[in-house]
Amino acid sequence: MGNYDEDTAFLGQKGPFFIILFFLLNGVYISTGLHSFYIVFVGASPSHHCRIADGNLSEEWMKASIPNEIVNGKLQPSQCWRYSLETVRKLSAQGYSPLEVNLTDITLETCVDGWSYSTEIYHSTIVSEWDLVCDSEWRVPFASSTLYMGYLLGSLVSGQLSDRFGRRKVFFMSLAAEALVILAQSFSNSWLLFCVLYFFVGTFQISVYITAFVLGNEVLSESLRVSFTSLGASLHYCFGYMLLPWMAFAVRDWRSLLRVLSGLTVVFIPLWWLIPESPRWLLSQGRVLESEAIVREAAKKNKVSAPEVIFIQSEVQEAASQNSKYSLLDVLWTRDIRKTTFLCLLLWIAINIGYFGLSLNTTNLSGDPFLNCFLSAVTEMPAYIVSLLLLKSCPRRPVLSAFLIIGGGFLLLLQLIPESQHTLALVLEMAGKFGLTISFTVVYIYTAELYPTVLRNLGMGLCSSAARIGSITAPYIIFLGKPALSCVSNHLHHSGLEKTPCVLSIRKGTFNKYLPYILMGSLTIASSIANMFLPETFRKVLPETLEQMQKCKRFIRRDNHTLEEGEGTVIVKEEKM
């Protein structure tokens, strides 16, 4: 099929066509930033305690009916237990005050009458509406995981659909569907329905992200391609991420927040008439005239003259007949492609665990949750700028390994920080997020450069799908750092049974607030080893076919053959005896 970049070199590296398309595609990423982490606020757990459903009790007794517990060295009212309401009523009726009674001798019972939630920070969340606390607390990380389960499906399906029907159609259909599903989610009447709809939000959201990413890679000029994949798409995604906490601060009801987010997505639908299909994809389908029409329109906007013949029809059709048969199996079919795919999968899984784990953990940090989320988003801004500078002038492989080690190293250092140093711990966590954000950016463009055009969307989709193992796991890794309180005697109040005093304590083996950081830090550092075996793509031509795809590095000696590292290939030299 020839080389697309060479055939369209007359368009230049910049010009109105490329610049307008650059900003249009980037603008869509603002919506993905707004949608990626709204569960942080929608699923936030307000301060709560057992509801005391007895209007005859004095305010003093109602307050004393909630035992205190120590969490992270702080004394706070219990969120899941209360003193036996029957016993409290009897003591109150007999004229005792809480100061005259040894409250620890009173039996504990669960919140059988429900919970009372603070509205100081959040007016309404799915936690306060459906009581997703205590024994149901696991439902919150599960709800978070359903988004990433949707990512898994969307990454697989969108890649195949866009390779078959076109990047542009799948892109805008996914964008419209995402807006509709978020709107429907705001009317959810149960936790289960919320999770089902959130699954489809993830399916369409990742489809928008990946398809726009591939479309920009294939349509933009070589000089703008790196800016788009590092600074452009990521920075605008970060703008949306930064806007989210301010919107959540202004709209503190979860249903209203989702409706606002859905409405903002609709404004991007008219871009259908401004964003063209990928000429590279059209050529891969043998649709030469349509591809040439887009390129000639680009030449007109860039005010340059197009040659009479841009693409040779016979060569394009011959290549298209070969390329049209590619499927997901081809990403794993040959040994060399399989090795590249396997190493990329390891990187994506580890990076996703760290990145999404830290992003979802912002409301668990000390301080204002809206400010913490904003700081987490702001941390990504310099990371994307540094990524652009490094990607333009440095090889991909060492840059990725270096920041995997940096990001993981800061997370491992957190366990050495004293309990009282909250600011220092926050700085280290943001530094870890900085390193992982750069790694996330680099691995995206690195993977796109490794795969040829005929398999690029499939390869990106497969890597993103496998990475969902990391993002699905991330909420539960963060959940490992939450304390689990239990009653030591395990004899709770039941009518007709003898009441036995019990004391609140943290279950041994279930709580280590540093465990999430140890796991995330260790995985990211370990993944840097896998990265060292991938080929370098810096200043290499973007591959169009399987034959142009580089092979992984190998350092193996077999019998009388020595394998040496070549320039992206493996050269076999036979030793002389």
Protein backbone atom coordinates (compact mmCIF):
# COMPACT_ATOMS: atom_id res chain seq x y z
CA MET A 1 0.00 0.00 0.00
CA GLY A 2 3.04 2.23 0.16
CA ASN A 3 3.70 4.63 2.99
CA TYR A 4 0.80 6.91 3.90
CA ASP A 5 3.04 9.55 5.51
CA GLU A 6 5.17 9.77 2.36
CA ASP A 7 2.14 9.82 0.03
CA THR A 8 0.58 12.72 1.97
CA ALA A 9 3.79 14.62 2.75
CA PHE A 10 2.60 17.48 0.50
CA LEU A 11 0.05 18.39 3.21
CA GLY A 12 2.86 19.59 5.44
CA GLN A 13 3.19 19.05 9.18
CA LYS A 14 0.90 21.88 10.25
CA GLY A 15 -1.93 23.85 8.78
CA PRO A 16 -5.59 24.73 9.46
CA PHE A 17 -6.83 21.19 8.73
CA PHE A 18 -4.52 19.52 11.26
CA ILE A 19 -4.80 22.26 13.90
CA ILE A 20 -8.63 22.41 13.83
CA LEU A 21 -8.87 18.61 13.98
CA PHE A 22 -6.33 18.57 16.82
CA PHE A 23 -8.49 20.83 19.02
CA LEU A 24 -11.80 19.20 18.06
CA LEU A 25 -10.62 15.73 19.07
CA ASN A 26 -9.00 17.10 22.21
CA GLY A 27 -12.21 18.87 23.19
CA VAL A 28 -14.05 15.54 23.37
CA TYR A 29 -11.55 14.30 25.95
CA ILE A 30 -12.86 16.91 28.40
CA SER A 31 -16.05 14.84 28.65
CA THR A 32 -14.09 11.63 29.34
CA GLY A 33 -12.28 13.40 32.17
CA LEU A 34 -15.60 14.50 33.67
CA HIS A 35 -17.05 11.00 33.49
CA SER A 36 -14.12 8.85 34.57
CA PHE A 37 -14.21 9.54 38.32
CA TYR A 38 -17.66 10.87 39.23
CA ILE A 39 -18.10 7.72 41.36
CA VAL A 40 -15.64 9.38 43.78
CA PHE A 41 -18.42 11.81 44.76
CA VAL A 42 -21.52 9.87 43.73
CA GLY A 43 -20.33 6.90 45.81
CA ALA A 44 -18.78 8.89 48.68
CA SER A 45 -19.63 7.76 52.20
CA PRO A 46 -20.83 10.68 54.39
CA SER A 47 -20.25 10.61 58.13
CA HIS A 48 -22.93 8.39 59.62
CA HIS A 49 -24.06 6.56 62.71
CA CYS A 50 -26.95 4.33 63.77
CA ARG A 51 -30.34 5.97 63.75
CA ILE A 52 -31.95 6.14 67.20
CA ALA A 53 -35.66 5.73 66.47
CA ASP A 54 -37.07 6.80 69.83
CA GLY A 55 -38.48 10.29 70.31
CA ASN A 56 -38.86 9.80 74.06
CA LEU A 57 -35.11 9.67 74.73
CA SER A 58 -33.35 12.85 75.78
CA GLU A 59 -30.72 14.35 73.50
CA GLU A 60 -28.10 13.36 76.06
CA TRP A 61 -29.13 9.70 75.96
CA MET A 62 -29.45 9.66 72.15
CA LYS A 63 -25.88 10.91 71.84
CA ALA A 64 -24.64 8.44 74.46
CA SER A 65 -26.36 5.55 72.66
CA ILE A 66 -23.59 5.53 70.03
CA PRO A 67 -20.32 3.95 71.29
CA ASN A 68 -16.95 5.40 70.36
CA GLU A 69 -14.30 3.53 68.40
CA ILE A 70 -10.68 4.18 67.54
CA VAL A 71 -9.85 4.32 63.83
CA ASN A 72 -6.41 5.39 62.60
CA GLY A 73 -5.61 6.57 66.12
CA LYS A 74 -8.67 8.82 66.30
CA LEU A 75 -11.70 8.45 68.57
CA GLN A 76 -14.96 8.74 66.66
CA PRO A 77 -18.63 7.63 67.00
CA SER A 78 -19.20 4.11 65.76
CA GLN A 79 -20.64 3.90 62.27
CA CYS A 80 -22.05 0.38 62.52
CA TRP A 81 -22.96 -0.27 66.17
CA ARG A 82 -25.11 1.17 68.92
CA TYR A 83 -25.87 0.25 72.51
CA SER A 84 -28.96 -1.92 72.96
CA LEU A 85 -31.87 0.48 72.51
CA GLU A 86 -34.07 -1.61 74.83
CA THR A 87 -31.52 -1.33 77.65
CA VAL A 88 -31.04 2.40 77.04
CA ARG A 89 -34.82 2.95 77.24
CA LYS A 90 -35.00 1.12 80.57
CA LEU A 91 -32.12 3.10 82.05
CA SER A 92 -33.64 6.36 80.82
CA ALA A 93 -37.08 5.42 82.25
CA GLN A 94 -35.48 4.64 85.64
CA GLY A 95 -34.11 8.18 85.75
CA TYR A 96 -30.44 7.43 85.15
CA SER A 97 -28.24 9.78 83.15
CA PRO A 98 -25.46 8.50 80.86
CA LEU A 99 -22.84 9.78 83.33
CA GLU A 100 -24.24 7.52 86.06
CA VAL A 101 -24.00 4.33 84.01
CA ASN A 102 -21.03 2.26 82.83
CA LEU A 103 -21.98 2.25 79.15
CA THR A 104 -19.39 -0.39 78.21
CA ASP A 105 -21.43 -2.95 80.17
CA ILE A 106 -24.36 -2.50 77.77
CA THR A 107 -24.75 -4.96 74.93
CA LEU A 108 -23.98 -3.75 71.40
CA GLU A 109 -26.35 -4.26 68.49
CA THR A 110 -26.29 -3.44 64.78
CA CYS A 111 -28.11 -0.50 63.21
CA VAL A 112 -31.45 -2.27 62.95
CA ASP A 113 -33.29 1.05 62.43
CA GLY A 114 -30.96 2.28 59.70
CA TRP A 115 -28.47 5.13 59.72
CA SER A 116 -28.37 8.90 60.06
CA TYR A 117 -26.09 10.64 57.55
CA SER A 118 -24.36 13.99 57.73
CA THR A 119 -25.31 16.42 54.96
CA GLU A 120 -22.45 18.82 55.74
CA ILE A 121 -20.37 17.72 52.73
CA TYR A 122 -22.72 15.65 50.55
CA HIS A 123 -26.45 16.30 50.35
CA SER A 124 -27.08 12.91 48.79
CA THR A 125 -25.00 9.97 47.50
CA ILE A 126 -25.83 6.39 46.54
CA VAL A 127 -24.36 5.40 49.92
CA SER A 128 -26.79 7.52 51.94
CA GLU A 129 -29.75 6.71 49.68
CA TRP A 130 -29.34 2.92 49.68
CA ASP A 131 -27.43 2.43 52.98
CA LEU A 132 -24.26 1.06 51.39
CA VAL A 133 -22.39 0.97 54.71
CA CYS A 134 -21.16 -1.58 57.26
CA ASP A 135 -22.09 -5.07 55.98
CA SER A 136 -23.06 -3.53 52.61
CA GLU A 137 -19.90 -1.43 52.30
CA TRP A 138 -18.50 -3.85 49.71
CA ARG A 139 -21.17 -2.66 47.27
CA VAL A 140 -19.37 0.67 46.75
CA PRO A 141 -16.10 -0.80 45.37
CA PHE A 142 -18.21 -3.25 43.39
CA ALA A 143 -20.10 -0.33 41.83
CA SER A 144 -16.74 1.26 40.95
CA SER A 145 -15.59 -1.99 39.38
CA THR A 146 -18.64 -2.22 37.12
CA LEU A 147 -17.38 0.84 35.23
CA TYR A 148 -14.12 -0.96 34.52
CA MET A 149 -15.94 -4.16 33.63
CA GLY A 150 -17.63 -2.04 30.99
CA TYR A 151 -14.19 -0.82 29.94
CA LEU A 152 -13.26 -4.46 29.37
CA LEU A 153 -16.16 -5.08 27.01
CA GLY A 154 -15.88 -1.71 25.31
CA SER A 155 -12.18 -2.10 24.63
CA LEU A 156 -12.74 -5.42 22.87
CA VAL A 157 -15.91 -4.58 20.96
CA SER A 158 -15.09 -1.01 19.93
CA GLY A 159 -11.78 -2.05 18.36
CA GLN A 160 -13.43 -4.65 16.15
CA LEU A 161 -16.41 -2.44 15.31
CA SER A 162 -14.28 0.57 14.36
CA ASP A 163 -11.99 -1.61 12.23
CA ARG A 164 -15.07 -2.88 10.40
CA PHE A 165 -17.41 0.12 10.23
CA GLY A 166 -14.97 3.02 10.64
CA ARG A 167 -13.49 5.09 13.44
CA ARG A 168 -15.85 8.04 12.99
CA LYS A 169 -19.15 6.12 13.16
CA VAL A 170 -18.21 4.15 16.28
CA PHE A 171 -16.79 7.27 17.90
CA PHE A 172 -19.98 9.35 17.65
CA MET A 173 -22.37 6.49 18.31
CA SER A 174 -20.48 5.77 21.54
CA LEU A 175 -20.52 9.44 22.52
CA ALA A 176 -24.30 9.72 22.09
CA ALA A 177 -24.94 6.41 23.86
CA GLU A 178 -22.77 7.45 26.82
CA ALA A 179 -24.79 10.64 27.34
CA LEU A 180 -28.07 8.71 27.26
CA VAL A 181 -26.92 6.02 29.69
CA ILE A 182 -25.61 8.56 32.23
CA LEU A 183 -28.97 10.34 32.04
CA ALA A 184 -30.78 7.02 32.61
CA GLN A 185 -28.43 6.25 35.51
CA SER A 186 -29.56 9.42 37.30
CA PHE A 187 -33.06 7.89 37.52
CA SER A 188 -31.87 4.60 39.06
CA ASN A 189 -34.19 3.33 41.79
CA SER A 190 -31.82 0.67 43.14
CA TRP A 191 -28.15 -0.06 43.60
CA LEU A 192 -28.36 -3.01 41.18
CA LEU A 193 -29.80 -0.89 38.35
CA PHE A 194 -27.15 1.77 39.03
CA CYS A 195 -24.40 -0.86 38.61
CA VAL A 196 -25.90 -2.28 35.40
CA LEU A 197 -26.09 1.19 33.82
CA TYR A 198 -22.62 2.06 35.10
CA PHE A 199 -21.32 -0.99 33.24
CA PHE A 200 -22.64 0.45 29.97
CA VAL A 201 -21.25 3.91 30.83
CA GLY A 202 -17.82 2.26 30.98
CA THR A 203 -18.44 0.37 27.72
CA PHE A 204 -19.22 3.53 25.75
CA GLN A 205 -16.73 5.76 27.55
CA ILE A 206 -13.67 3.65 26.76
CA SER A 207 -14.93 3.27 23.20
CA VAL A 208 -14.95 7.07 22.84
CA TYR A 209 -11.46 7.35 24.33
CA ILE A 210 -9.76 4.63 22.28
CA THR A 211 -11.48 5.38 18.98
CA ALA A 212 -10.68 9.10 19.21
CA PHE A 213 -7.12 8.21 20.16
CA VAL A 214 -6.68 5.97 17.11
CA LEU A 215 -8.45 8.45 14.84
CA GLY A 216 -6.09 11.23 15.91
CA ASN A 217 -3.06 8.98 15.46
CA GLU A 218 -4.08 8.10 11.92
CA VAL A 219 -5.29 11.49 10.63
CA LEU A 220 -2.93 14.01 12.25
CA SER A 221 0.50 14.80 10.87
CA GLU A 222 3.57 13.19 12.37
CA SER A 223 4.60 16.33 14.29
CA LEU A 224 1.15 16.78 15.85
CA ARG A 225 0.68 13.06 16.57
CA VAL A 226 2.97 13.07 19.60
CA SER A 227 1.44 16.32 20.89
CA PHE A 228 -2.04 14.85 20.54
CA THR A 229 -1.33 11.54 22.27
CA SER A 230 0.71 13.02 25.12
CA LEU A 231 -0.15 16.65 25.84
CA GLY A 232 -3.32 17.08 23.80
CA ALA A 233 -5.65 14.21 24.67
CA SER A 234 -4.26 13.72 28.16
CA LEU A 235 -4.25 17.41 29.06
CA HIS A 236 -7.85 17.94 27.97
CA TYR A 237 -8.85 14.78 29.80
CA CYS A 238 -7.17 16.37 32.83
CA PHE A 239 -9.16 19.60 32.31
CA GLY A 240 -12.35 17.57 32.62
CA TYR A 241 -10.97 15.76 35.66
CA MET A 242 -10.13 19.13 37.27
CA LEU A 243 -13.63 20.49 36.56
CA LEU A 244 -15.31 17.48 38.18
CA PRO A 245 -14.67 18.36 41.87
CA TRP A 246 -15.86 21.94 41.30
CA MET A 247 -19.06 20.67 39.70
CA ALA A 248 -19.52 18.15 42.52
CA PHE A 249 -18.94 20.96 45.03
CA ALA A 250 -21.64 23.08 43.38
CA VAL A 251 -24.08 20.19 42.79
CA ARG A 252 -23.96 17.98 45.89
CA ASP A 253 -26.91 15.77 44.98
CA TRP A 254 -25.76 12.73 43.01
CA ARG A 255 -28.77 12.57 40.68
CA SER A 256 -28.48 16.24 39.70
CA LEU A 257 -24.73 15.85 39.15
CA LEU A 258 -25.25 12.99 36.67
CA ARG A 259 -27.85 14.96 34.74
CA VAL A 260 -25.49 17.90 34.41
CA LEU A 261 -22.68 15.61 33.19
CA SER A 262 -25.01 14.00 30.66
CA GLY A 263 -26.14 17.37 29.33
CA LEU A 264 -22.57 18.58 28.83
CA THR A 265 -21.79 15.54 26.64
CA VAL A 266 -24.52 16.38 24.13
CA VAL A 267 -22.69 19.56 23.02
CA PHE A 268 -20.02 17.40 21.32
CA ILE A 269 -22.46 15.55 19.01
CA PRO A 270 -22.47 18.32 16.30
CA LEU A 271 -18.75 17.66 15.76
CA TRP A 272 -19.92 14.84 13.45
CA TRP A 273 -19.98 17.37 10.61
CA LEU A 274 -16.46 18.62 11.36
CA ILE A 275 -14.40 15.48 12.09
CA PRO A 276 -13.60 13.30 9.03
CA GLU A 277 -13.09 9.56 8.77
CA SER A 278 -9.53 8.22 8.93
CA PRO A 279 -8.02 8.15 5.40
CA ARG A 280 -5.66 5.39 6.57
CA TRP A 281 -8.62 3.20 7.54
CA LEU A 282 -10.39 3.92 4.24
CA LEU A 283 -7.27 2.84 2.36
CA SER A 284 -7.05 -0.35 4.41
CA GLN A 285 -10.59 -1.10 3.18
CA GLY A 286 -9.68 -0.35 -0.45
CA ARG A 287 -11.85 2.80 -0.52
CA VAL A 288 -9.34 4.92 -2.41
CA LEU A 289 -11.69 7.60 -3.77
CA GLU A 290 -13.14 8.40 -0.34
CA SER A 291 -9.67 8.58 1.18
CA GLU A 292 -8.41 10.85 -1.59
CA ALA A 293 -11.44 13.12 -1.18
CA ILE A 294 -10.56 13.70 2.49
CA VAL A 295 -6.88 14.27 1.70
CA ARG A 296 -7.75 16.74 -1.09
CA GLU A 297 -10.07 18.61 1.28
CA ALA A 298 -7.21 18.74 3.78
CA ALA A 299 -4.91 20.12 1.06
CA LYS A 300 -7.50 22.78 0.23
CA LYS A 301 -7.73 23.86 3.88
CA ASN A 302 -3.94 23.87 4.22
CA LYS A 303 -3.71 25.86 0.95
CA VAL A 304 -1.36 23.42 -0.77
CA SER A 305 -1.63 21.67 -4.14
CA ALA A 306 -2.39 17.96 -4.22
CA PRO A 307 -0.83 15.73 -6.91
CA GLU A 308 -3.06 14.35 -9.63
CA VAL A 309 -2.69 10.83 -8.23
CA ILE A 310 -2.23 10.50 -4.46
CA PHE A 311 -2.63 6.75 -3.97
CA ILE A 312 -2.05 4.03 -6.56
CA GLN A 313 -5.33 2.14 -6.79
CA SER A 314 -3.92 -1.28 -7.67
CA GLU A 315 -1.47 -1.30 -4.74
CA VAL A 316 -4.13 -0.16 -2.28
CA GLN A 317 -6.66 -2.78 -3.38
CA GLU A 318 -4.08 -5.55 -3.25
CA ALA A 319 -3.08 -4.55 0.30
CA ALA A 320 -6.74 -4.13 1.33
CA SER A 321 -7.57 -7.66 0.16
CA GLN A 322 -4.88 -8.95 2.51
CA ASN A 323 -5.58 -6.61 5.42
CA SER A 324 -9.36 -6.99 5.51
CA LYS A 325 -9.07 -10.50 6.96
CA TYR A 326 -7.36 -9.45 10.18
CA SER A 327 -9.13 -10.22 13.46
CA LEU A 328 -8.39 -10.23 17.17
CA LEU A 329 -6.64 -13.60 16.85
CA ASP A 330 -3.97 -12.02 14.64
CA VAL A 331 -2.77 -9.96 17.60
CA LEU A 332 -1.79 -13.27 19.24
CA TRP A 333 -1.18 -15.46 16.21
CA THR A 334 2.58 -15.35 15.52
CA ARG A 335 5.28 -15.71 18.17
CA ASP A 336 6.76 -12.22 17.71
CA ILE A 337 3.40 -10.43 17.86
CA ARG A 338 2.36 -12.59 20.81
CA LYS A 339 5.47 -11.59 22.78
CA THR A 340 4.87 -7.90 22.11
CA THR A 341 1.23 -8.24 23.13
CA PHE A 342 2.04 -10.20 26.31
CA LEU A 343 4.60 -7.64 27.50
CA CYS A 344 2.22 -4.76 26.74
CA LEU A 345 -0.53 -6.49 28.72
CA LEU A 346 1.69 -6.75 31.80
CA LEU A 347 2.53 -3.06 31.61
CA TRP A 348 -1.07 -1.95 31.15
CA ILE A 349 -2.35 -4.07 34.06
CA ALA A 350 0.25 -2.79 36.54
CA ILE A 351 -0.08 0.87 35.50
CA ASN A 352 -3.88 0.73 35.65
CA ILE A 353 -3.87 -0.70 39.17
CA GLY A 354 -1.67 2.14 40.40
CA TYR A 355 -3.28 5.00 38.46
CA PHE A 356 -6.93 4.15 39.17
CA GLY A 357 -6.19 3.05 42.72
CA LEU A 358 -4.71 6.44 43.59
CA SER A 359 -7.43 8.34 41.70
CA LEU A 360 -10.25 6.53 43.53
CA ASN A 361 -8.56 6.99 46.90
CA THR A 362 -8.87 10.79 47.05
CA THR A 363 -11.96 10.90 49.29
CA ASN A 364 -10.24 8.58 51.79
CA LEU A 365 -7.39 11.03 52.33
CA SER A 366 -7.46 13.47 55.24
CA GLY A 367 -8.74 16.95 54.42
CA ASP A 368 -11.38 18.31 52.07
CA PRO A 369 -12.43 15.61 49.51
CA PHE A 370 -13.13 18.16 46.76
CA LEU A 371 -9.72 19.78 47.21
CA ASN A 372 -7.97 16.39 47.34
CA CYS A 373 -9.60 15.35 44.06
CA PHE A 374 -8.64 18.67 42.49
CA LEU A 375 -5.02 18.26 43.66
CA SER A 376 -4.96 14.73 42.26
CA ALA A 377 -6.07 16.13 38.89
CA VAL A 378 -3.64 19.09 39.05
CA THR A 379 -0.77 16.65 39.67
CA GLU A 380 -1.42 15.21 36.22
CA MET A 381 -0.94 18.57 34.46
CA PRO A 382 2.85 18.81 34.85
CA ALA A 383 3.06 15.05 34.24
CA TYR A 384 1.52 15.47 30.78
CA ILE A 385 3.77 18.43 29.96
CA VAL A 386 6.86 16.49 31.03
CA SER A 387 5.59 13.53 28.97
CA LEU A 388 5.42 15.66 25.84
CA LEU A 389 8.95 16.99 26.28
CA LEU A 390 10.34 13.52 26.94
CA LEU A 391 8.44 11.82 24.11
CA LYS A 392 9.70 14.38 21.61
CA SER A 393 13.36 13.95 22.52
CA CYS A 394 13.85 10.67 24.42
CA PRO A 395 13.49 6.95 23.66
CA ARG A 396 10.25 5.41 24.95
CA ARG A 397 11.64 2.36 26.72
CA PRO A 398 14.01 3.96 29.28
CA VAL A 399 11.55 6.80 29.99
CA LEU A 400 8.77 4.34 30.80
CA SER A 401 10.97 2.19 33.02
CA ALA A 402 12.33 5.21 34.91
CA PHE A 403 8.90 6.59 35.82
CA LEU A 404 7.50 3.18 36.72
CA ILE A 405 10.29 2.89 39.28
CA ILE A 406 9.80 6.50 40.46
CA GLY A 407 6.03 6.14 40.86
CA GLY A 408 6.25 2.81 42.64
CA GLY A 409 9.12 3.96 44.84
CA PHE A 410 7.19 6.93 46.28
CA LEU A 411 4.25 4.66 47.12
CA LEU A 412 6.53 2.25 48.98
CA LEU A 413 7.97 5.14 51.01
CA LEU A 414 4.52 6.01 52.42
CA GLN A 415 4.70 3.30 55.07
CA LEU A 416 7.75 5.04 56.58
CA ILE A 417 5.88 8.32 57.19
CA PRO A 418 4.65 8.94 60.80
CA GLU A 419 0.89 9.05 61.39
CA SER A 420 0.99 12.76 62.26
CA GLN A 421 2.66 13.83 58.98
CA HIS A 422 -0.50 13.99 56.85
CA THR A 423 0.85 16.69 54.52
CA LEU A 424 4.04 14.76 53.78
CA ALA A 425 2.04 11.59 53.13
CA LEU A 426 -0.20 13.52 50.72
CA VAL A 427 2.86 14.93 48.91
CA LEU A 428 4.35 11.43 48.50
CA GLU A 429 1.06 10.03 47.20
CA MET A 430 0.78 12.88 44.67
CA ALA A 431 4.41 12.27 43.64
CA GLY A 432 3.55 8.61 43.06
CA LYS A 433 0.53 9.71 41.01
CA PHE A 434 2.86 11.98 38.99
CA GLY A 435 5.13 9.06 38.06
CA LEU A 436 2.22 6.75 37.21
CA THR A 437 0.51 9.42 35.10
CA ILE A 438 3.63 9.82 32.98
CA SER A 439 3.84 6.04 32.68
CA PHE A 440 0.17 5.92 31.64
CA THR A 441 0.77 8.51 28.92
CA VAL A 442 3.94 6.91 27.60
CA VAL A 443 2.49 3.38 27.45
CA TYR A 444 -0.43 4.64 25.35
CA ILE A 445 1.70 6.18 22.61
CA TYR A 446 4.33 3.43 22.91
CA THR A 447 1.71 0.72 22.27
CA ALA A 448 0.20 2.66 19.37
CA GLU A 449 3.64 2.91 17.77
CA LEU A 450 4.37 -0.80 18.22
CA TYR A 451 1.34 -2.09 16.30
CA PRO A 452 0.84 -1.60 12.53
CA THR A 453 -2.16 0.23 11.10
CA VAL A 454 -3.96 -2.99 10.16
CA LEU A 455 -3.90 -4.15 13.80
CA ARG A 456 -3.46 -0.91 15.74
CA ASN A 457 -7.03 -0.53 16.93
CA LEU A 458 -7.27 -4.24 17.73
CA GLY A 459 -3.96 -4.17 19.60
CA MET A 460 -4.90 -1.06 21.56
CA GLY A 461 -8.29 -2.54 22.32
CA LEU A 462 -6.85 -5.81 23.58
CA CYS A 463 -4.28 -4.08 25.80
CA SER A 464 -6.93 -1.76 27.19
CA SER A 465 -9.22 -4.74 27.81
CA ALA A 466 -6.57 -6.66 29.74
CA ALA A 467 -5.75 -3.50 31.66
CA ARG A 468 -9.28 -3.65 33.05
CA ILE A 469 -8.05 -6.50 35.24
CA GLY A 470 -6.04 -3.78 36.95
CA SER A 471 -8.76 -1.14 37.08
CA ILE A 472 -11.43 -3.65 38.22
CA THR A 473 -9.07 -4.78 40.98
CA ALA A 474 -8.07 -1.24 42.02
CA PRO A 475 -11.22 -0.41 44.11
CA TYR A 476 -10.75 -3.62 46.12
CA ILE A 477 -7.05 -2.95 46.65
CA ILE A 478 -8.02 0.44 48.13
CA PHE A 479 -10.73 -1.34 50.16
CA LEU A 480 -7.98 -3.42 51.85
CA GLY A 481 -6.86 -0.26 53.62
CA LYS A 482 -10.20 0.32 55.37
CA PRO A 483 -10.70 -0.87 58.97
CA ALA A 484 -13.20 -3.60 59.75
CA LEU A 485 -14.75 -3.31 63.21
CA SER A 486 -16.27 -6.21 65.10
CA CYS A 487 -17.56 -7.08 68.52
CA VAL A 488 -15.02 -9.16 70.46
CA SER A 489 -17.57 -11.38 72.20
CA ASN A 490 -19.61 -11.70 68.99
CA HIS A 491 -22.80 -11.97 71.09
CA LEU A 492 -25.11 -9.35 69.63
CA HIS A 493 -28.52 -8.40 70.94
CA HIS A 494 -31.34 -10.74 69.95
CA SER A 495 -34.74 -10.64 71.59
CA GLY A 496 -35.14 -13.43 74.11
CA LEU A 497 -31.39 -14.03 74.49
CA GLU A 498 -29.17 -13.07 77.38
CA LYS A 499 -27.24 -9.87 76.73
CA THR A 500 -23.46 -10.17 76.95
CA PRO A 501 -21.17 -7.09 77.03
CA CYS A 502 -18.74 -6.71 74.14
CA VAL A 503 -16.06 -4.28 73.07
CA LEU A 504 -15.38 -2.85 69.60
CA SER A 505 -12.07 -3.77 68.05
CA ILE A 506 -10.43 -3.95 64.65
CA ARG A 507 -10.35 -7.44 63.20
CA LYS A 508 -6.81 -8.71 63.02
CA GLY A 509 -5.49 -9.41 59.55
CA THR A 510 -8.13 -7.31 57.80
CA PHE A 511 -6.70 -3.83 58.14
CA ASN A 512 -3.40 -2.38 57.04
CA LYS A 513 -3.78 1.09 55.60
CA TYR A 514 -0.37 0.80 53.91
CA LEU A 515 -1.13 -2.51 52.19
CA PRO A 516 -2.70 -0.86 49.09
CA TYR A 517 0.41 1.30 48.62
CA ILE A 518 2.76 -1.67 49.08
CA LEU A 519 0.87 -3.70 46.48
CA MET A 520 0.61 -0.87 43.94
CA GLY A 521 4.24 0.19 44.41
CA SER A 522 5.62 -3.34 44.09
CA LEU A 523 3.62 -4.11 40.94
CA THR A 524 4.66 -0.94 39.11
CA ILE A 525 8.35 -1.46 39.90
CA ALA A 526 8.16 -5.11 38.82
CA SER A 527 6.50 -4.15 35.51
CA SER A 528 9.53 -2.04 34.55
CA ILE A 529 11.39 -5.33 33.98
CA ALA A 530 8.89 -6.47 31.33
CA ASN A 531 9.27 -3.12 29.59
CA MET A 532 12.98 -3.69 28.93
CA PHE A 533 12.25 -6.47 26.42
CA LEU A 534 10.08 -4.35 24.10
CA PRO A 535 11.61 -2.82 20.94
CA GLU A 536 12.34 0.90 20.74
CA THR A 537 10.02 2.96 18.51
CA PHE A 538 11.60 6.39 18.90
CA ARG A 539 12.08 8.08 15.50
CA LYS A 540 10.89 4.97 13.67
CA VAL A 541 8.32 5.07 10.86
CA LEU A 542 4.82 4.21 12.06
CA PRO A 543 4.31 0.61 10.79
CA GLU A 544 1.56 0.04 8.26
CA THR A 545 1.74 -3.75 7.81
CA LEU A 546 2.70 -6.81 9.87
CA GLU A 547 6.01 -7.05 8.01
CA GLN A 548 6.98 -3.55 9.18
CA MET A 549 6.23 -4.34 12.83
CA GLN A 550 9.34 -4.54 15.03
CA LYS A 551 10.23 -7.62 17.05
CA CYS A 552 10.93 -7.88 20.77
CA LYS A 553 14.48 -7.99 22.09
CA ARG A 554 16.02 -11.41 22.76
CA PHE A 555 19.22 -12.29 24.58
CA ILE A 556 19.47 -16.06 24.21
CA ARG A 557 22.31 -18.34 23.21
CA ARG A 558 21.33 -21.66 21.66
CA ASP A 559 23.85 -24.35 20.77
CA ASN A 560 25.99 -22.96 17.97
CA HIS A 561 23.77 -19.96 17.26
CA THR A 562 24.11 -16.57 18.88
CA LEU A 563 21.19 -14.17 18.95
CA GLU A 564 22.20 -10.54 18.93
CA GLU A 565 20.14 -7.43 19.40
CA GLY A 566 19.53 -5.58 16.15
CA GLU A 567 17.75 -2.37 15.32
CA GLY A 568 14.30 -3.57 16.29
CA THR A 569 14.90 -7.02 14.77
CA VAL A 570 16.60 -10.25 15.76
CA ILE A 571 19.72 -11.12 13.77
CA VAL A 572 20.85 -14.72 13.91
CA LYS A 573 24.56 -15.35 13.31
CA GLU A 574 25.98 -18.82 13.05
CA GLU A 575 29.26 -19.23 14.91
CA LYS A 576 32.17 -20.76 13.05
CA MET A 577 33.46 -23.97 14.50
